[in-house]
PDB file of N, CA and C in Angstrom:
ATOM      1  N   MET A   1    -160.755 -51.954  60.205  1.00  0.00           N
ATOM      2  CA  MET A   1    -159.916 -50.892  59.675  1.00  0.00           C
ATOM      3  C   MET A   1    -160.314 -49.589  60.339  1.00  0.00           C
ATOM      4  N   SER A   2    -159.384 -48.915  60.836  1.00  0.00           N
ATOM      5  CA  SER A   2    -159.631 -47.590  61.380  1.00  0.00           C
ATOM      6  C   SER A   2    -159.202 -46.572  60.334  1.00  0.00           C
ATOM      7  N   ALA A   3    -160.091 -45.652  60.001  1.00  0.00           N
ATOM      8  CA  ALA A   3    -159.774 -44.664  58.965  1.00  0.00           C
ATOM      9  C   ALA A   3    -158.688 -43.731  59.448  1.00  0.00           C
ATOM     10  N   PRO A   4    -157.596 -43.629  58.721  1.00  0.00           N
ATOM     11  CA  PRO A   4    -156.544 -42.694  59.093  1.00  0.00           C
ATOM     12  C   PRO A   4    -157.081 -41.267  59.101  1.00  0.00           C
ATOM     13  N   ASP A   5    -156.724 -40.534  60.121  1.00  0.00           N
ATOM     14  CA  ASP A   5    -157.254 -39.177  60.252  1.00  0.00           C
ATOM     15  C   ASP A   5    -156.138 -38.144  60.215  1.00  0.00           C
ATOM     16  N   ASP A   6    -155.001 -38.516  59.673  1.00  0.00           N
ATOM     17  CA  ASP A   6    -153.915 -37.542  59.685  1.00  0.00           C
ATOM     18  C   ASP A   6    -153.834 -36.780  58.365  1.00  0.00           C
ATOM     19  N   ALA A   7    -153.095 -35.725  58.403  1.00  0.00           N
ATOM     20  CA  ALA A   7    -153.003 -34.803  57.262  1.00  0.00           C
ATOM     21  C   ALA A   7    -152.440 -35.464  56.011  1.00  0.00           C
ATOM     22  N   VAL A   8    -151.573 -36.438  56.163  1.00  0.00           N
ATOM     23  CA  VAL A   8    -150.965 -37.100  55.002  1.00  0.00           C
ATOM     24  C   VAL A   8    -152.041 -37.802  54.174  1.00  0.00           C
ATOM     25  N   TRP A   9    -152.944 -38.526  54.825  1.00  0.00           N
ATOM     26  CA  TRP A   9    -154.013 -39.226  54.117  1.00  0.00           C
ATOM     27  C   TRP A   9    -154.970 -38.244  53.464  1.00  0.00           C
ATOM     28  N   ARG A  10    -155.344 -37.222  54.198  1.00  0.00           N
ATOM     29  CA  ARG A  10    -156.289 -36.237  53.648  1.00  0.00           C
ATOM     30  C   ARG A  10    -155.673 -35.481  52.465  1.00  0.00           C
ATOM     31  N   GLU A  11    -154.404 -35.141  52.578  1.00  0.00           N
ATOM     32  CA  GLU A  11    -153.734 -34.450  51.474  1.00  0.00           C
ATOM     33  C   GLU A  11    -153.677 -35.341  50.236  1.00  0.00           C
ATOM     34  N   ALA A  12    -153.315 -36.610  50.434  1.00  0.00           N
ATOM     35  CA  ALA A  12    -153.252 -37.550  49.312  1.00  0.00           C
ATOM     36  C   ALA A  12    -154.638 -37.730  48.688  1.00  0.00           C
ATOM     37  N   PHE A  13    -155.664 -37.804  49.515  1.00  0.00           N
ATOM     38  CA  PHE A  13    -157.041 -37.930  49.026  1.00  0.00           C
ATOM     39  C   PHE A  13    -157.425 -36.692  48.219  1.00  0.00           C
ATOM     40  N   ASP A  14    -157.155 -35.519  48.764  1.00  0.00           N
ATOM     41  CA  ASP A  14    -157.502 -34.263  48.088  1.00  0.00           C
ATOM     42  C   ASP A  14    -156.778 -34.101  46.754  1.00  0.00           C
ATOM     43  N   GLU A  15    -155.536 -34.591  46.680  1.00  0.00           N
ATOM     44  CA  GLU A  15    -154.768 -34.497  45.439  1.00  0.00           C
ATOM     45  C   GLU A  15    -155.333 -35.383  44.335  1.00  0.00           C
ATOM     46  N   ARG A  16    -156.123 -36.385  44.726  1.00  0.00           N
ATOM     47  CA  ARG A  16    -156.632 -37.358  43.760  1.00  0.00           C
ATOM     48  C   ARG A  16    -158.139 -37.233  43.523  1.00  0.00           C
ATOM     49  N   SER A  17    -158.722 -36.166  44.004  1.00  0.00           N
ATOM     50  CA  SER A  17    -160.155 -35.974  43.792  1.00  0.00           C
ATOM     51  C   SER A  17    -160.431 -34.552  43.316  1.00  0.00           C
ATOM     52  N   VAL A  18    -161.483 -34.425  42.518  1.00  0.00           N
ATOM     53  CA  VAL A  18    -161.843 -33.133  41.932  1.00  0.00           C
ATOM     54  C   VAL A  18    -163.309 -32.856  42.242  1.00  0.00           C
ATOM     55  N   ALA A  19    -163.567 -31.719  42.873  1.00  0.00           N
ATOM     56  CA  ALA A  19    -164.944 -31.325  43.163  1.00  0.00           C
ATOM     57  C   ALA A  19    -165.623 -30.847  41.886  1.00  0.00           C
ATOM     58  N   LEU A  20    -166.839 -31.330  41.657  1.00  0.00           N
ATOM     59  CA  LEU A  20    -167.619 -30.927  40.499  1.00  0.00           C
ATOM     60  C   LEU A  20    -168.741 -29.991  40.948  1.00  0.00           C
ATOM     61  N   ASP A  21    -169.210 -29.155  40.040  1.00  0.00           N
ATOM     62  CA  ASP A  21    -170.271 -28.200  40.353  1.00  0.00           C
ATOM     63  C   ASP A  21    -171.520 -28.878  40.905  1.00  0.00           C
ATOM     64  N   SER A  22    -171.747 -30.095  40.521  1.00  0.00           N
ATOM     65  CA  SER A  22    -172.952 -30.825  40.921  1.00  0.00           C
ATOM     66  C   SER A  22    -172.878 -31.370  42.344  1.00  0.00           C
ATOM     67  N   GLY A  23    -171.768 -31.127  43.049  1.00  0.00           N
ATOM     68  CA  GLY A  23    -171.606 -31.626  44.414  1.00  0.00           C
ATOM     69  C   GLY A  23    -170.910 -32.966  44.494  1.00  0.00           C
ATOM     70  N   HIS A  24    -170.679 -33.572  43.354  1.00  0.00           N
ATOM     71  CA  HIS A  24    -169.965 -34.845  43.342  1.00  0.00           C
ATOM     72  C   HIS A  24    -168.470 -34.591  43.517  1.00  0.00           C
ATOM     73  N   LEU A  25    -167.769 -35.627  43.958  1.00  0.00           N
ATOM     74  CA  LEU A  25    -166.325 -35.569  44.099  1.00  0.00           C
ATOM     75  C   LEU A  25    -165.760 -36.687  43.227  1.00  0.00           C
ATOM     76  N   HIS A  26    -165.190 -36.308  42.097  1.00  0.00           N
ATOM     77  CA  HIS A  26    -164.689 -37.262  41.099  1.00  0.00           C
ATOM     78  C   HIS A  26    -163.304 -37.756  41.492  1.00  0.00           C
ATOM     79  N   TRP A  27    -163.131 -39.075  41.531  1.00  0.00           N
ATOM     80  CA  TRP A  27    -161.852 -39.694  41.873  1.00  0.00           C
ATOM     81  C   TRP A  27    -160.967 -39.767  40.638  1.00  0.00           C
ATOM     82  N   THR A  28    -159.743 -39.233  40.738  1.00  0.00           N
ATOM     83  CA  THR A  28    -158.794 -39.270  39.622  1.00  0.00           C
ATOM     84  C   THR A  28    -157.613 -40.187  39.911  1.00  0.00           C
ATOM     85  N   GLY A  29    -157.613 -40.790  41.089  1.00  0.00           N
ATOM     86  CA  GLY A  29    -156.498 -41.642  41.492  1.00  0.00           C
ATOM     87  C   GLY A  29    -156.661 -43.070  41.013  1.00  0.00           C
ATOM     88  N   ALA A  30    -155.888 -43.952  41.608  1.00  0.00           N
ATOM     89  CA  ALA A  30    -155.868 -45.366  41.232  1.00  0.00           C
ATOM     90  C   ALA A  30    -157.183 -46.046  41.603  1.00  0.00           C
ATOM     91  N   THR A  31    -157.464 -47.120  40.883  1.00  0.00           N
ATOM     92  CA  THR A  31    -158.618 -47.955  41.195  1.00  0.00           C
ATOM     93  C   THR A  31    -158.171 -49.409  41.239  1.00  0.00           C
ATOM     94  N   SER A  32    -158.958 -50.206  41.939  1.00  0.00           N
ATOM     95  CA  SER A  32    -158.678 -51.635  41.993  1.00  0.00           C
ATOM     96  C   SER A  32    -159.090 -52.253  40.663  1.00  0.00           C
ATOM     97  N   GLY A  33    -158.835 -53.509  40.490  1.00  0.00           N
ATOM     98  CA  GLY A  33    -159.240 -54.215  39.284  1.00  0.00           C
ATOM     99  C   GLY A  33    -160.741 -54.200  39.068  1.00  0.00           C
ATOM    100  N   ARG A  34    -161.500 -53.952  40.129  1.00  0.00           N
ATOM    101  CA  ARG A  34    -162.964 -53.907  40.047  1.00  0.00           C
ATOM    102  C   ARG A  34    -163.479 -52.473  39.946  1.00  0.00           C
ATOM    103  N   GLY A  35    -162.562 -51.508  39.846  1.00  0.00           N
ATOM    104  CA  GLY A  35    -162.969 -50.120  39.672  1.00  0.00           C
ATOM    105  C   GLY A  35    -163.175 -49.335  40.953  1.00  0.00           C
ATOM    106  N   THR A  36    -162.869 -49.924  42.085  1.00  0.00           N
ATOM    107  CA  THR A  36    -163.018 -49.234  43.364  1.00  0.00           C
ATOM    108  C   THR A  36    -161.877 -48.245  43.553  1.00  0.00           C
ATOM    109  N   PRO A  37    -162.169 -46.994  43.893  1.00  0.00           N
ATOM    110  CA  PRO A  37    -161.114 -46.008  44.134  1.00  0.00           C
ATOM    111  C   PRO A  37    -160.265 -46.416  45.342  1.00  0.00           C
ATOM    112  N   VAL A  38    -158.956 -46.470  45.158  1.00  0.00           N
ATOM    113  CA  VAL A  38    -158.064 -46.862  46.243  1.00  0.00           C
ATOM    114  C   VAL A  38    -156.976 -45.819  46.446  1.00  0.00           C
ATOM    115  N   LEU A  39    -156.491 -45.767  47.672  1.00  0.00           N
ATOM    116  CA  LEU A  39    -155.449 -44.825  48.044  1.00  0.00           C
ATOM    117  C   LEU A  39    -154.394 -45.562  48.853  1.00  0.00           C
ATOM    118  N   ALA A  40    -153.130 -45.405  48.463  1.00  0.00           N
ATOM    119  CA  ALA A  40    -152.033 -46.048  49.168  1.00  0.00           C
ATOM    120  C   ALA A  40    -151.086 -44.981  49.710  1.00  0.00           C
ATOM    121  N   VAL A  41    -150.777 -45.102  50.992  1.00  0.00           N
ATOM    122  CA  VAL A  41    -149.832 -44.204  51.647  1.00  0.00           C
ATOM    123  C   VAL A  41    -148.999 -45.054  52.605  1.00  0.00           C
ATOM    124  N   ALA A  42    -147.694 -44.902  52.529  1.00  0.00           N
ATOM    125  CA  ALA A  42    -146.777 -45.608  53.430  1.00  0.00           C
ATOM    126  C   ALA A  42    -147.079 -47.111  53.501  1.00  0.00           C
ATOM    127  N   ASN A  43    -147.233 -47.729  52.339  1.00  0.00           N
ATOM    128  CA  ASN A  43    -147.476 -49.162  52.222  1.00  0.00           C
ATOM    129  C   ASN A  43    -148.785 -49.630  52.846  1.00  0.00           C
ATOM    130  N   GLN A  44    -149.726 -48.715  53.062  1.00  0.00           N
ATOM    131  CA  GLN A  44    -151.067 -49.069  53.519  1.00  0.00           C
ATOM    132  C   GLN A  44    -152.050 -48.664  52.424  1.00  0.00           C
ATOM    133  N   VAL A  45    -153.058 -49.495  52.225  1.00  0.00           N
ATOM    134  CA  VAL A  45    -154.050 -49.222  51.188  1.00  0.00           C
ATOM    135  C   VAL A  45    -155.436 -49.197  51.820  1.00  0.00           C
ATOM    136  N   HIS A  46    -156.207 -48.183  51.483  1.00  0.00           N
ATOM    137  CA  HIS A  46    -157.602 -48.072  51.905  1.00  0.00           C
ATOM    138  C   HIS A  46    -158.418 -47.672  50.686  1.00  0.00           C
ATOM    139  N   THR A  47    -159.702 -48.000  50.693  1.00  0.00           N
ATOM    140  CA  THR A  47    -160.544 -47.504  49.610  1.00  0.00           C
ATOM    141  C   THR A  47    -160.901 -46.051  49.920  1.00  0.00           C
ATOM    142  N   ALA A  48    -160.968 -45.258  48.876  1.00  0.00           N
ATOM    143  CA  ALA A  48    -161.348 -43.859  49.036  1.00  0.00           C
ATOM    144  C   ALA A  48    -162.773 -43.760  49.552  1.00  0.00           C
ATOM    145  N   TYR A  49    -163.626 -44.722  49.205  1.00  0.00           N
ATOM    146  CA  TYR A  49    -164.993 -44.730  49.712  1.00  0.00           C
ATOM    147  C   TYR A  49    -165.015 -44.808  51.236  1.00  0.00           C
ATOM    148  N   ARG A  50    -164.263 -45.751  51.788  1.00  0.00           N
ATOM    149  CA  ARG A  50    -164.280 -45.955  53.246  1.00  0.00           C
ATOM    150  C   ARG A  50    -163.655 -44.770  53.982  1.00  0.00           C
ATOM    151  N   LEU A  51    -162.581 -44.226  53.430  1.00  0.00           N
ATOM    152  CA  LEU A  51    -161.950 -43.066  54.057  1.00  0.00           C
ATOM    153  C   LEU A  51    -162.913 -41.889  54.096  1.00  0.00           C
ATOM    154  N   SER A  52    -163.481 -41.554  52.953  1.00  0.00           N
ATOM    155  CA  SER A  52    -164.363 -40.404  52.859  1.00  0.00           C
ATOM    156  C   SER A  52    -165.615 -40.592  53.719  1.00  0.00           C
ATOM    157  N   PHE A  53    -166.155 -41.800  53.721  1.00  0.00           N
ATOM    158  CA  PHE A  53    -167.325 -42.092  54.546  1.00  0.00           C
ATOM    159  C   PHE A  53    -167.015 -41.845  56.019  1.00  0.00           C
ATOM    160  N   ALA A  54    -165.910 -42.402  56.498  1.00  0.00           N
ATOM    161  CA  ALA A  54    -165.550 -42.263  57.910  1.00  0.00           C
ATOM    162  C   ALA A  54    -165.287 -40.806  58.278  1.00  0.00           C
ATOM    163  N   TRP A  55    -164.606 -40.077  57.430  1.00  0.00           N
ATOM    164  CA  TRP A  55    -164.335 -38.668  57.709  1.00  0.00           C
ATOM    165  C   TRP A  55    -165.628 -37.868  57.772  1.00  0.00           C
ATOM    166  N   HIS A  56    -166.549 -38.139  56.857  1.00  0.00           N
ATOM    167  CA  HIS A  56    -167.794 -37.363  56.805  1.00  0.00           C
ATOM    168  C   HIS A  56    -168.771 -37.749  57.921  1.00  0.00           C
ATOM    169  N   HIS A  57    -168.960 -39.050  58.121  1.00  0.00           N
ATOM    170  CA  HIS A  57    -169.975 -39.529  59.058  1.00  0.00           C
ATOM    171  C   HIS A  57    -169.452 -39.670  60.484  1.00  0.00           C
ATOM    172  N   GLY A  58    -168.131 -39.597  60.666  1.00  0.00           N
ATOM    173  CA  GLY A  58    -167.567 -39.676  62.011  1.00  0.00           C
ATOM    174  C   GLY A  58    -167.627 -41.052  62.632  1.00  0.00           C
ATOM    175  N   ARG A  59    -167.768 -42.064  61.798  1.00  0.00           N
ATOM    176  CA  ARG A  59    -167.776 -43.453  62.281  1.00  0.00           C
ATOM    177  C   ARG A  59    -167.258 -44.370  61.182  1.00  0.00           C
ATOM    178  N   GLU A  60    -166.830 -45.540  61.598  1.00  0.00           N
ATOM    179  CA  GLU A  60    -166.389 -46.539  60.633  1.00  0.00           C
ATOM    180  C   GLU A  60    -167.601 -47.084  59.878  1.00  0.00           C
ATOM    181  N   PRO A  61    -167.482 -47.282  58.583  1.00  0.00           N
ATOM    182  CA  PRO A  61    -168.587 -47.873  57.841  1.00  0.00           C
ATOM    183  C   PRO A  61    -168.759 -49.339  58.187  1.00  0.00           C
ATOM    184  N   GLU A  62    -169.987 -49.816  58.044  1.00  0.00           N
ATOM    185  CA  GLU A  62    -170.280 -51.236  58.228  1.00  0.00           C
ATOM    186  C   GLU A  62    -170.640 -51.816  56.869  1.00  0.00           C
ATOM    187  N   GLY A  63    -169.948 -52.853  56.489  1.00  0.00           N
ATOM    188  CA  GLY A  63    -170.182 -53.467  55.190  1.00  0.00           C
ATOM    189  C   GLY A  63    -169.579 -52.634  54.071  1.00  0.00           C
ATOM    190  N   ASN A  64    -170.014 -52.904  52.863  1.00  0.00           N
ATOM    191  CA  ASN A  64    -169.500 -52.198  51.689  1.00  0.00           C
ATOM    192  C   ASN A  64    -169.982 -50.762  51.658  1.00  0.00           C
ATOM    193  N   VAL A  65    -169.139 -49.875  51.152  1.00  0.00           N
ATOM    194  CA  VAL A  65    -169.493 -48.465  50.969  1.00  0.00           C
ATOM    195  C   VAL A  65    -169.605 -48.216  49.476  1.00  0.00           C
ATOM    196  N   ARG A  66    -170.704 -47.569  49.093  1.00  0.00           N
ATOM    197  CA  ARG A  66    -170.958 -47.286  47.683  1.00  0.00           C
ATOM    198  C   ARG A  66    -171.542 -45.884  47.548  1.00  0.00           C
ATOM    199  N   PRO A  67    -171.321 -45.243  46.405  1.00  0.00           N
ATOM    200  CA  PRO A  67    -171.994 -43.969  46.163  1.00  0.00           C
ATOM    201  C   PRO A  67    -173.491 -44.220  45.956  1.00  0.00           C
ATOM    202  N   ALA A  68    -174.318 -43.413  46.593  1.00  0.00           N
ATOM    203  CA  ALA A  68    -175.767 -43.560  46.469  1.00  0.00           C
ATOM    204  C   ALA A  68    -176.349 -42.508  45.527  1.00  0.00           C
ATOM    205  N   CYS A  69    -175.493 -41.687  44.962  1.00  0.00           N
ATOM    206  CA  CYS A  69    -175.937 -40.557  44.149  1.00  0.00           C
ATOM    207  C   CYS A  69    -176.110 -40.905  42.676  1.00  0.00           C
ATOM    208  N   GLY A  70    -175.634 -42.081  42.278  1.00  0.00           N
ATOM    209  CA  GLY A  70    -175.742 -42.469  40.881  1.00  0.00           C
ATOM    210  C   GLY A  70    -174.576 -42.018  40.012  1.00  0.00           C
ATOM    211  N   PHE A  71    -173.650 -41.251  40.576  1.00  0.00           N
ATOM    212  CA  PHE A  71    -172.472 -40.806  39.828  1.00  0.00           C
ATOM    213  C   PHE A  71    -171.363 -41.832  40.056  1.00  0.00           C
ATOM    214  N   PRO A  72    -170.959 -42.554  39.011  1.00  0.00           N
ATOM    215  CA  PRO A  72    -169.962 -43.614  39.178  1.00  0.00           C
ATOM    216  C   PRO A  72    -168.646 -43.091  39.772  1.00  0.00           C
ATOM    217  N   GLY A  73    -168.178 -43.751  40.814  1.00  0.00           N
ATOM    218  CA  GLY A  73    -166.901 -43.400  41.417  1.00  0.00           C
ATOM    219  C   GLY A  73    -166.922 -42.164  42.286  1.00  0.00           C
ATOM    220  N   CYS A  74    -168.091 -41.614  42.590  1.00  0.00           N
ATOM    221  CA  CYS A  74    -168.156 -40.422  43.437  1.00  0.00           C
ATOM    222  C   CYS A  74    -167.645 -40.770  44.835  1.00  0.00           C
ATOM    223  N   VAL A  75    -166.730 -39.964  45.355  1.00  0.00           N
ATOM    224  CA  VAL A  75    -166.167 -40.209  46.681  1.00  0.00           C
ATOM    225  C   VAL A  75    -166.543 -39.105  47.677  1.00  0.00           C
ATOM    226  N   ALA A  76    -167.587 -38.338  47.376  1.00  0.00           N
ATOM    227  CA  ALA A  76    -168.051 -37.299  48.298  1.00  0.00           C
ATOM    228  C   ALA A  76    -168.701 -37.971  49.505  1.00  0.00           C
ATOM    229  N   GLY A  77    -168.242 -37.649  50.695  1.00  0.00           N
ATOM    230  CA  GLY A  77    -168.747 -38.265  51.915  1.00  0.00           C
ATOM    231  C   GLY A  77    -170.258 -38.269  52.041  1.00  0.00           C
ATOM    232  N   PRO A  78    -170.930 -37.134  51.784  1.00  0.00           N
ATOM    233  CA  PRO A  78    -172.388 -37.121  51.912  1.00  0.00           C
ATOM    234  C   PRO A  78    -173.110 -38.002  50.890  1.00  0.00           C
ATOM    235  N   HIS A  79    -172.428 -38.403  49.835  1.00  0.00           N
ATOM    236  CA  HIS A  79    -173.036 -39.207  48.779  1.00  0.00           C
ATOM    237  C   HIS A  79    -172.826 -40.701  48.997  1.00  0.00           C
ATOM    238  N   LEU A  80    -172.096 -41.071  50.040  1.00  0.00           N
ATOM    239  CA  LEU A  80    -171.752 -42.472  50.268  1.00  0.00           C
ATOM    240  C   LEU A  80    -172.654 -43.115  51.311  1.00  0.00           C
ATOM    241  N   GLN A  81    -172.958 -44.392  51.085  1.00  0.00           N
ATOM    242  CA  GLN A  81    -173.745 -45.155  52.046  1.00  0.00           C
ATOM    243  C   GLN A  81    -173.059 -46.470  52.353  1.00  0.00           C
ATOM    244  N   ASP A  82    -173.133 -46.862  53.618  1.00  0.00           N
ATOM    245  CA  ASP A  82    -172.692 -48.190  54.009  1.00  0.00           C
ATOM    246  C   ASP A  82    -173.939 -49.065  54.160  1.00  0.00           C
ATOM    247  N   ARG A  83    -173.768 -50.283  54.609  1.00  0.00           N
ATOM    248  CA  ARG A  83    -174.900 -51.205  54.751  1.00  0.00           C
ATOM    249  C   ARG A  83    -175.981 -50.627  55.659  1.00  0.00           C
ATOM    250  N   VAL A  84    -175.575 -50.016  56.765  1.00  0.00           N
ATOM    251  CA  VAL A  84    -176.535 -49.459  57.725  1.00  0.00           C
ATOM    252  C   VAL A  84    -177.402 -48.385  57.067  1.00  0.00           C
ATOM    253  N   LEU A  85    -176.800 -47.457  56.356  1.00  0.00           N
ATOM    254  CA  LEU A  85    -177.562 -46.381  55.711  1.00  0.00           C
ATOM    255  C   LEU A  85    -178.448 -46.932  54.592  1.00  0.00           C
ATOM    256  N   ARG A  86    -177.955 -47.932  53.847  1.00  0.00           N
ATOM    257  CA  ARG A  86    -178.781 -48.527  52.793  1.00  0.00           C
ATOM    258  C   ARG A  86    -180.012 -49.196  53.394  1.00  0.00           C
ATOM    259  N   GLU A  87    -179.834 -49.913  54.507  1.00  0.00           N
ATOM    260  CA  GLU A  87    -180.964 -50.575  55.151  1.00  0.00           C
ATOM    261  C   GLU A  87    -181.966 -49.558  55.685  1.00  0.00           C
ATOM    262  N   ARG A  88    -181.500 -48.443  56.209  1.00  0.00           N
ATOM    263  CA  ARG A  88    -182.397 -47.396  56.710  1.00  0.00           C
ATOM    264  C   ARG A  88    -183.198 -46.767  55.570  1.00  0.00           C
ATOM    265  N   SER A  89    -182.570 -46.591  54.409  1.00  0.00           N
ATOM    266  CA  SER A  89    -183.262 -45.936  53.306  1.00  0.00           C
ATOM    267  C   SER A  89    -184.314 -46.841  52.680  1.00  0.00           C
ATOM    268  N   VAL A  90    -184.206 -48.141  52.871  1.00  0.00           N
ATOM    269  CA  VAL A  90    -185.179 -49.093  52.329  1.00  0.00           C
ATOM    270  C   VAL A  90    -186.358 -49.248  53.276  1.00  0.00           C
ATOM    271  N   ALA A  91    -186.101 -49.134  54.561  1.00  0.00           N
ATOM    272  CA  ALA A  91    -187.149 -49.361  55.577  1.00  0.00           C
ATOM    273  C   ALA A  91    -188.232 -48.321  55.554  1.00  0.00           C
TER     274      ALA A  91
END
């Protein structure tokens, strides 16, 4: 999956997230049956985690993306980790 980098995706993402004073980004949009934040535009669906991660880190995530900050559903790019970042933090 290549993270969409156009204004339509970013606008839709921004409309569905709320910045909190604590630095977290609270997702107010749709979620999957498992609670994962999802975003659909033009019949394409991506997780908000993967979009935000790719936009912030400048690369596609490897493996699952999860918030590492402890705030459930946080979609702030700096708070997200993929498999590579999780493995680095354990080493």
